[in-house]
N, C-alpha and C. Protein backbone atom coordinates (compact mmCIF):
# COMPACT_ATOMS: atom_id res chain seq x y z
N MET A 1 191.30 132.02 157.53
CA MET A 1 190.41 132.96 156.83
C MET A 1 189.51 134.04 157.44
N SER A 2 189.04 135.04 157.19
CA SER A 2 188.40 136.10 157.64
C SER A 2 186.92 135.83 156.91
N THR A 3 186.38 136.09 158.07
CA THR A 3 184.54 136.34 157.60
C THR A 3 184.67 136.94 156.10
N PHE A 4 185.28 138.17 155.95
CA PHE A 4 184.88 138.79 154.72
C PHE A 4 185.18 137.87 153.63
N ALA A 5 186.62 137.17 153.65
CA ALA A 5 186.86 136.46 152.35
C ALA A 5 185.92 135.24 152.17
N LYS A 6 185.35 134.60 153.46
CA LYS A 6 184.39 133.66 153.16
C LYS A 6 182.86 134.23 152.45
N VAL A 7 182.51 135.29 153.19
CA VAL A 7 181.46 135.49 152.38
C VAL A 7 181.81 136.24 150.70
N LEU A 8 182.75 136.49 150.52
CA LEU A 8 183.25 136.71 149.26
C LEU A 8 183.22 135.19 148.54
N LEU A 9 183.52 134.55 149.20
CA LEU A 9 183.46 133.24 148.74
C LEU A 9 182.51 132.84 148.25
N ILE A 10 181.42 132.91 149.22
CA ILE A 10 180.41 132.05 148.94
C ILE A 10 179.71 132.93 147.80
N ILE A 11 179.42 133.83 147.60
CA ILE A 11 178.93 134.84 146.70
C ILE A 11 179.41 134.42 145.26
N LEU A 12 180.91 134.21 145.62
CA LEU A 12 181.33 133.91 143.95
C LEU A 12 180.67 132.41 143.56
N VAL A 13 180.88 131.82 144.67
CA VAL A 13 180.65 130.41 144.17
C VAL A 13 179.08 130.12 143.77
N VAL A 14 178.13 130.90 144.44
CA VAL A 14 176.86 131.17 143.93
C VAL A 14 176.31 132.21 142.85
N LEU A 15 177.26 132.48 142.33
CA LEU A 15 177.07 133.39 141.09
C LEU A 15 177.48 132.22 139.84
N VAL A 16 178.97 131.58 139.98
CA VAL A 16 179.54 130.79 139.38
C VAL A 16 178.32 129.65 139.21
N VAL A 17 177.44 129.39 139.82
CA VAL A 17 176.12 128.06 139.52
C VAL A 17 174.96 128.52 139.08
N ALA A 18 174.61 130.38 139.09
CA ALA A 18 173.71 130.43 138.89
C ALA A 18 174.07 130.55 137.09
N LEU A 19 175.22 131.14 136.79
CA LEU A 19 176.07 131.17 135.33
C LEU A 19 175.84 130.03 134.66
N VAL A 20 176.21 129.00 135.41
CA VAL A 20 175.96 127.65 134.46
C VAL A 20 174.53 127.29 134.80
N VAL A 21 174.38 127.68 135.04
CA VAL A 21 172.20 127.20 135.17
C VAL A 21 171.59 128.19 134.17
N LEU A 22 172.01 129.01 134.09
CA LEU A 22 171.29 130.31 133.08
C LEU A 22 172.28 130.09 131.84
N TYR A 23 173.17 129.29 131.56
CA TYR A 23 173.67 128.79 130.10
C TYR A 23 173.36 127.51 129.74
N PHE A 24 172.72 126.56 130.66
CA PHE A 24 172.02 125.32 130.30
C PHE A 24 170.66 125.90 129.63
N LEU A 25 169.92 126.76 130.60
CA LEU A 25 168.71 127.09 130.25
C LEU A 25 168.87 127.59 128.85
N GLY A 26 169.44 128.55 128.86
CA GLY A 26 169.21 129.29 127.72
C GLY A 26 169.62 128.39 126.22
N ARG A 27 170.47 127.38 126.46
CA ARG A 27 170.84 126.44 125.00
C ARG A 27 169.36 125.36 124.77
N LYS A 28 168.59 125.28 126.27
CA LYS A 28 167.86 124.29 126.06
C LYS A 28 166.74 125.62 125.17
N ALA A 29 166.45 126.36 125.58
CA ALA A 29 165.49 127.44 124.99
C ALA A 29 165.86 127.68 123.47
N GLN A 30 167.14 128.03 123.51
CA GLN A 30 167.50 128.04 121.72
C GLN A 30 167.07 127.18 121.07
N LYS A 31 167.43 125.51 121.62
CA LYS A 31 166.81 124.36 120.60
C LYS A 31 165.73 124.23 120.70
N LYS A 32 164.80 124.88 121.52
CA LYS A 32 163.30 124.65 121.43
C LYS A 32 162.90 125.73 120.39
N GLN A 33 163.49 127.02 120.71
CA GLN A 33 162.95 127.59 119.25
C GLN A 33 163.18 127.59 117.86
N ALA A 34 164.28 126.85 117.90
CA ALA A 34 164.73 126.24 116.38
C ALA A 34 163.79 125.58 116.01
N ALA A 35 163.26 124.55 116.57
CA ALA A 35 162.49 123.46 116.56
C ALA A 35 160.97 123.86 115.99
N GLN A 36 160.55 125.03 116.93
CA GLN A 36 159.29 125.67 116.66
C GLN A 36 159.53 126.41 114.95
N GLN A 37 160.60 127.07 115.03
CA GLN A 37 160.58 127.95 113.85
C GLN A 37 160.96 126.83 112.66
N ALA A 38 161.40 125.61 112.56
CA ALA A 38 161.27 124.75 111.44
C ALA A 38 160.09 124.18 111.57
N GLN A 39 159.02 124.21 112.11
CA GLN A 39 157.39 123.85 112.05
C GLN A 39 157.08 124.89 111.48
N ILE A 40 157.24 126.14 111.98
CA ILE A 40 156.51 127.13 110.94
C ILE A 40 156.91 127.52 110.05
N GLU A 41 157.91 127.04 109.43
CA GLU A 41 158.34 127.10 108.12
C GLU A 41 157.99 125.80 107.27
N ALA A 42 157.91 124.92 108.05
CA ALA A 42 156.87 123.61 107.04
C ALA A 42 156.01 123.79 106.63
N ALA A 43 154.80 124.27 107.49
CA ALA A 43 153.44 124.73 107.69
C ALA A 43 153.14 125.88 106.75
N LYS A 44 154.27 126.85 106.33
CA LYS A 44 153.79 128.02 105.64
C LYS A 44 153.03 127.84 104.49
N GLN A 45 151.91 128.68 104.29
CA GLN A 45 151.46 128.99 102.94
C GLN A 45 151.35 130.66 102.65
N THR A 46 150.87 130.57 101.16
CA THR A 46 150.82 132.09 100.96
C THR A 46 149.49 131.86 100.39
N VAL A 47 148.51 133.67 101.14
CA VAL A 47 147.31 133.73 101.51
C VAL A 47 147.20 134.87 100.82
N ASN A 48 145.84 135.39 99.97
CA ASN A 48 145.37 136.94 99.60
C ASN A 48 144.22 136.95 100.56
N MET A 49 144.75 138.30 101.42
CA MET A 49 143.61 138.52 102.40
C MET A 49 143.91 139.93 102.60
N LEU A 50 142.27 140.34 103.10
CA LEU A 50 141.96 141.92 102.94
C LEU A 50 141.94 141.78 104.40
N ILE A 51 142.87 142.87 104.62
CA ILE A 51 143.63 143.20 106.69
C ILE A 51 142.23 144.28 106.78
N ILE A 52 141.28 144.08 107.88
CA ILE A 52 140.26 144.68 108.40
C ILE A 52 140.42 145.81 109.37
N ASP A 53 141.22 144.87 110.16
CA ASP A 53 141.65 145.84 111.68
C ASP A 53 142.88 145.40 112.26
N LYS A 54 143.63 146.08 113.03
CA LYS A 54 145.22 145.05 113.65
C LYS A 54 144.82 146.12 114.95
N LYS A 55 145.13 145.28 115.74
CA LYS A 55 145.03 145.62 117.29
C LYS A 55 146.38 145.27 118.43
N LYS A 56 146.83 145.09 119.14
CA LYS A 56 147.38 145.05 119.91
C LYS A 56 146.43 144.43 121.25
N MET A 57 146.23 143.71 121.63
CA MET A 57 145.04 143.30 122.85
C MET A 57 145.29 141.88 123.32
N LYS A 58 144.81 141.63 124.19
CA LYS A 58 144.76 140.35 125.24
C LYS A 58 144.12 138.86 124.63
N LEU A 59 144.35 137.66 124.71
CA LEU A 59 144.08 136.79 123.68
C LEU A 59 142.36 136.65 124.23
N LYS A 60 142.15 136.83 125.42
CA LYS A 60 140.96 136.63 125.82
C LYS A 60 139.91 137.38 125.06
N ASP A 61 140.11 138.99 124.61
CA ASP A 61 139.27 139.40 123.86
C ASP A 61 139.64 139.50 122.48
N SER A 62 140.69 138.64 121.98
CA SER A 62 141.29 138.61 120.65
C SER A 62 140.19 138.10 119.57
N GLY A 63 139.23 137.38 120.08
CA GLY A 63 138.43 136.05 119.45
C GLY A 63 139.07 135.23 118.59
N LEU A 64 140.11 134.67 119.35
CA LEU A 64 141.01 133.91 118.65
C LEU A 64 139.98 132.47 119.24
N PRO A 65 140.43 131.12 118.73
CA PRO A 65 139.54 129.96 118.93
C PRO A 65 139.80 129.46 120.34
N ALA A 66 138.69 128.92 120.92
CA ALA A 66 138.95 128.40 122.80
C ALA A 66 140.10 127.31 122.81
N ALA A 67 140.27 126.64 121.52
CA ALA A 67 141.90 125.88 121.72
C ALA A 67 142.76 126.55 121.74
N VAL A 68 142.99 127.71 121.19
CA VAL A 68 144.65 128.84 121.03
C VAL A 68 144.55 128.99 122.83
N LEU A 69 143.32 129.54 123.50
CA LEU A 69 143.40 129.91 124.66
C LEU A 69 143.79 129.14 125.68
N GLU A 70 143.33 127.86 125.63
CA GLU A 70 143.50 126.65 126.79
C GLU A 70 145.16 126.35 126.18
N GLN A 71 145.72 126.23 125.52
CA GLN A 71 146.75 126.10 124.72
C GLN A 71 147.93 126.99 125.60
N THR A 72 147.51 128.00 125.73
CA THR A 72 148.15 129.46 125.81
C THR A 72 148.63 129.08 127.08
N PRO A 73 149.97 129.09 127.72
CA PRO A 73 150.43 129.10 129.52
C PRO A 73 149.78 130.28 130.09
N LYS A 74 149.40 130.10 131.08
CA LYS A 74 148.74 130.94 131.84
C LYS A 74 149.47 132.51 132.17
N TYR A 75 150.85 131.88 132.27
CA TYR A 75 151.74 133.38 132.66
C TYR A 75 151.51 134.48 131.16
N LEU A 76 151.07 133.87 129.98
CA LEU A 76 150.96 134.54 129.12
C LEU A 76 149.74 134.98 128.93
N ARG A 77 148.66 134.52 129.42
CA ARG A 77 146.93 134.99 129.28
C ARG A 77 147.03 136.09 129.06
N GLY A 78 147.53 137.25 130.08
CA GLY A 78 147.60 138.90 130.22
C GLY A 78 148.38 139.53 129.27
N ALA A 79 149.21 138.84 128.17
CA ALA A 79 150.24 139.94 127.78
C ALA A 79 149.42 140.06 126.77
N LYS A 80 149.64 141.34 126.08
CA LYS A 80 149.12 141.83 125.01
C LYS A 80 149.69 141.03 123.64
N PHE A 81 149.09 140.33 122.65
CA PHE A 81 149.42 140.23 121.45
C PHE A 81 149.23 141.01 119.97
N PRO A 82 150.01 141.26 119.37
CA PRO A 82 149.49 141.40 117.83
C PRO A 82 148.57 141.02 117.13
N ILE A 83 147.50 141.41 117.29
CA ILE A 83 146.15 140.58 116.50
C ILE A 83 145.92 141.49 115.15
N VAL A 84 145.38 140.30 114.27
CA VAL A 84 144.98 141.14 113.15
C VAL A 84 143.68 140.45 112.54
N LYS A 85 142.79 141.19 112.28
CA LYS A 85 141.56 140.92 111.62
C LYS A 85 141.53 140.62 110.35
N ALA A 86 141.08 139.73 109.58
CA ALA A 86 141.50 139.43 108.29
C ALA A 86 140.28 138.93 107.83
N LYS A 87 140.19 139.32 106.20
CA LYS A 87 139.14 138.62 105.62
C LYS A 87 139.73 137.76 104.77
N VAL A 88 139.86 136.38 104.79
CA VAL A 88 140.56 135.05 103.69
C VAL A 88 139.80 134.35 103.20
N GLY A 89 139.21 134.90 101.65
CA GLY A 89 138.21 134.31 101.13
C GLY A 89 136.86 134.71 101.40
N PRO A 90 136.14 134.11 101.94
CA PRO A 90 134.80 133.99 102.33
C PRO A 90 134.65 134.55 104.08
N HIS A 91 135.71 134.14 105.02
CA HIS A 91 135.53 134.00 106.01
C HIS A 91 136.49 135.23 106.43
N VAL A 92 136.09 135.97 107.73
CA VAL A 92 136.73 136.86 108.85
C VAL A 92 137.35 135.94 109.82
N MET A 93 138.56 136.10 109.81
CA MET A 93 139.51 135.55 110.60
C MET A 93 140.63 136.42 111.79
N SER A 94 140.46 136.29 113.01
CA SER A 94 141.61 136.92 113.81
C SER A 94 142.66 136.17 113.96
N LEU A 95 143.76 136.41 113.47
CA LEU A 95 145.32 136.02 113.68
C LEU A 95 146.24 136.86 114.37
N ILE A 96 147.01 136.01 114.54
CA ILE A 96 148.45 136.81 115.47
C ILE A 96 149.07 137.10 114.42
N ALA A 97 149.95 138.41 114.37
CA ALA A 97 151.08 138.41 113.45
C ALA A 97 152.12 138.46 114.03
N ASP A 98 153.54 138.22 113.36
CA ASP A 98 154.85 138.05 114.10
C ASP A 98 155.13 139.77 114.44
N GLY A 99 155.64 140.16 115.90
CA GLY A 99 155.80 141.25 116.10
C GLY A 99 156.39 142.22 115.28
N ALA A 100 157.70 141.51 114.60
CA ALA A 100 158.26 142.25 113.44
C ALA A 100 157.99 143.16 112.42
N ILE A 101 156.61 142.38 111.75
CA ILE A 101 155.87 142.97 110.66
C ILE A 101 154.54 143.70 111.10
N PHE A 102 154.24 143.49 112.41
CA PHE A 102 152.75 144.07 112.48
C PHE A 102 152.90 145.63 112.49
N ASP A 103 153.70 146.49 112.53
CA ASP A 103 153.42 147.84 112.22
C ASP A 103 153.83 148.32 110.26
N SER A 104 154.17 147.08 109.81
CA SER A 104 154.03 147.50 108.27
C SER A 104 152.64 146.78 107.62
N ILE A 105 151.88 146.04 108.29
CA ILE A 105 150.90 145.81 107.73
C ILE A 105 149.66 146.35 107.60
N PRO A 106 149.29 146.84 106.37
CA PRO A 106 148.43 147.95 106.14
C PRO A 106 146.95 147.83 106.55
N VAL A 107 146.17 148.33 106.99
CA VAL A 107 144.90 148.26 107.23
C VAL A 107 143.74 149.00 105.91
N LYS A 108 142.69 148.13 105.91
CA LYS A 108 141.93 148.24 104.70
C LYS A 108 142.62 148.08 103.36
N LYS A 109 143.34 147.30 103.22
CA LYS A 109 144.13 147.31 102.11
C LYS A 109 144.35 145.40 101.92
N GLU A 110 144.64 145.33 100.58
CA GLU A 110 144.57 143.39 100.30
C GLU A 110 146.12 143.31 100.26
N VAL A 111 146.53 142.13 100.88
CA VAL A 111 148.05 142.03 100.90
C VAL A 111 148.09 140.26 100.58
N LYS A 112 149.26 140.10 100.47
CA LYS A 112 149.31 138.62 100.20
C LYS A 112 150.21 138.40 101.61
N ALA A 113 149.89 137.68 102.38
CA ALA A 113 150.54 137.19 103.32
C ALA A 113 150.97 135.75 103.35
N THR A 114 152.00 135.47 104.29
CA THR A 114 152.54 133.99 104.52
C THR A 114 152.02 133.59 105.43
N VAL A 115 151.13 132.61 105.83
CA VAL A 115 150.45 132.47 107.04
C VAL A 115 151.04 130.78 107.26
N SER A 116 150.94 130.23 108.51
CA SER A 116 151.58 129.15 109.35
C SER A 116 150.40 129.28 110.32
N GLY A 117 149.48 128.33 109.95
CA GLY A 117 148.49 128.23 111.09
C GLY A 117 147.68 129.64 111.22
N ILE A 118 147.85 130.02 112.44
CA ILE A 118 146.83 131.45 112.76
C ILE A 118 147.86 132.54 112.85
N TYR A 119 149.06 132.10 112.61
CA TYR A 119 150.36 132.97 112.74
C TYR A 119 150.63 133.26 111.26
N ILE A 120 150.46 134.91 111.32
CA ILE A 120 151.32 135.66 110.23
C ILE A 120 152.76 135.95 110.11
N THR A 121 153.32 135.52 109.25
CA THR A 121 155.24 135.81 109.08
C THR A 121 155.67 136.91 108.27
N ASP A 122 154.55 136.79 107.16
CA ASP A 122 155.21 137.64 106.39
C ASP A 122 154.16 138.54 105.59
N VAL A 123 154.66 139.54 105.05
CA VAL A 123 153.22 140.41 104.59
C VAL A 123 153.78 141.01 103.22
N LYS A 124 153.37 141.00 101.93
CA LYS A 124 154.21 141.46 101.01
C LYS A 124 152.60 142.48 100.15
N GLY A 125 152.41 143.71 99.75
CA GLY A 125 151.35 144.75 99.44
C GLY A 125 151.09 143.78 97.88
N LEU A 126 149.84 143.82 97.46
CA LEU A 126 149.46 143.31 96.22
C LEU A 126 148.84 143.86 95.46
N ARG A 127 148.28 145.53 95.73
CA ARG A 127 148.05 146.08 94.83
C ARG A 127 148.94 147.61 95.35
N GLY A 128 150.26 148.09 94.82
CA GLY A 128 150.71 149.23 95.01
C GLY A 128 151.82 149.24 96.04
N GLY A 129 152.03 147.79 96.91
CA GLY A 129 152.92 148.02 97.69
C GLY A 129 152.43 148.27 98.92
N LEU A 130 153.31 148.31 99.83
CA LEU A 130 153.29 148.47 101.69
C LEU A 130 153.48 150.06 101.71
N ASN A 131 152.62 150.64 102.69
CA ASN A 131 153.62 151.77 103.09
C ASN A 131 155.15 151.57 104.33
N PRO A 132 155.26 152.35 103.97
CA PRO A 132 156.77 152.38 104.76
C PRO A 132 156.42 152.79 106.16
N VAL A 133 157.35 151.89 106.93
CA VAL A 133 157.02 152.19 108.50
C VAL A 133 157.69 153.49 108.76
N PRO A 134 156.72 154.52 109.25
CA PRO A 134 157.74 155.85 110.30
C PRO A 134 158.81 155.28 111.11
N ALA A 135 159.50 156.29 110.78
CA ALA A 135 160.97 156.31 112.03
C ALA A 135 160.04 156.28 113.45
N LYS A 136 160.47 155.59 114.14
CA LYS A 136 160.61 156.40 115.64
C LYS A 136 160.65 157.50 115.93
N LYS A 137 160.37 158.28 116.99
CA LYS A 137 160.74 159.49 117.40
C LYS A 137 161.79 159.47 118.26
N LYS A 138 162.54 160.08 118.03
CA LYS A 138 163.82 160.36 118.91
C LYS A 138 163.68 161.19 120.54
N GLY A 139 164.25 160.57 121.52
CA GLY A 139 163.72 160.74 122.63
C GLY A 139 164.65 162.12 122.82
N LYS A 140 164.28 163.13 124.08
CA LYS A 140 164.96 164.39 123.80
C LYS A 140 166.41 164.29 124.06
N PHE A 141 166.88 163.52 125.03
CA PHE A 141 168.12 163.12 125.33
C PHE A 141 169.24 162.68 123.89
N LYS A 142 168.86 161.73 123.61
CA LYS A 142 169.46 161.22 122.07
C LYS A 142 169.47 162.87 120.91
N ALA A 143 168.49 163.03 120.88
CA ALA A 143 168.43 164.90 120.03
C ALA A 143 169.30 165.58 120.55
N TRP A 144 169.58 165.75 121.89
CA TRP A 144 170.22 166.49 122.38
C TRP A 144 171.87 166.24 122.32
N VAL A 145 172.03 164.89 122.32
CA VAL A 145 173.32 164.22 122.27
C VAL A 145 173.61 164.53 120.62
N GLU A 146 173.03 164.51 120.17
CA GLU A 146 173.30 164.17 118.26
C GLU A 146 173.74 165.86 117.99
N LYS A 147 172.70 167.12 118.54
CA LYS A 147 172.51 168.26 118.34
C LYS A 147 174.15 168.83 119.01
N MET A 148 174.81 168.33 120.07
CA MET A 148 176.03 168.78 120.47
C MET A 148 177.32 168.36 119.58
N GLN A 149 177.17 166.77 119.12
CA GLN A 149 177.62 166.19 118.45
C GLN A 149 177.93 167.20 116.92
N GLU A 150 176.83 167.50 116.34
CA GLU A 150 177.05 168.10 115.07
C GLU A 150 177.82 169.72 115.68
N LYS A 151 177.69 170.16 116.83
CA LYS A 151 178.24 171.53 117.21
C LYS A 151 179.69 171.53 116.88
N ALA A 152 180.00 169.96 117.64
CA ALA A 152 181.40 169.90 118.05
C ALA A 152 181.78 169.46 116.90
N GLY A 153 181.54 169.37 115.42
CA GLY A 153 182.22 168.73 114.49
C GLY A 153 182.28 167.17 114.28
N ALA A 154 181.62 166.82 115.21
CA ALA A 154 181.89 165.23 115.39
C ALA A 154 180.72 164.46 114.36
N LYS A 155 180.50 162.87 113.53
CA LYS A 155 179.75 162.69 113.61
C LYS A 155 178.45 161.82 114.20
N PRO A 156 177.26 161.94 113.86
CA PRO A 156 176.49 161.39 114.90
C PRO A 156 176.72 159.56 114.85
N LEU A 157 176.48 158.88 116.16
CA LEU A 157 176.55 157.95 116.27
C LEU A 157 175.26 157.09 115.61
N LYS A 158 175.46 155.84 114.76
CA LYS A 158 173.92 155.25 114.78
C LYS A 158 173.82 154.24 114.98
């Protein structure tokens, strides 16, 4: 067997082992996420709140309780989270919003939110509904591709 074939065989074995390891780690993470989602669903409750402010900021700057900061893994402490400052009843609280709904949360409006602990999972407008989320601006290349497709008579891809 030539050295080139041996090198290729070793690379192939390493890749197969890496794929098997990633497969099992992915399944384990998926089970863990399903368990966390079940806990969130079990503890959720609906609350009326006045949204004061919302920002993406680091946990240490957010004003969350010290227990939350201690339980956060070290590698996530530098990451930015969607933080919402809201008045719930007579208390002003800092809450963490779900990334998918963060843009749709209106500022300085009263909303009915589904909350699980300090995590906001859903928001509905209390008076007059929510403002629609503005569509993201297209990049120059994507706009150029659509323009060329229009000129050619083809339908733009969605």
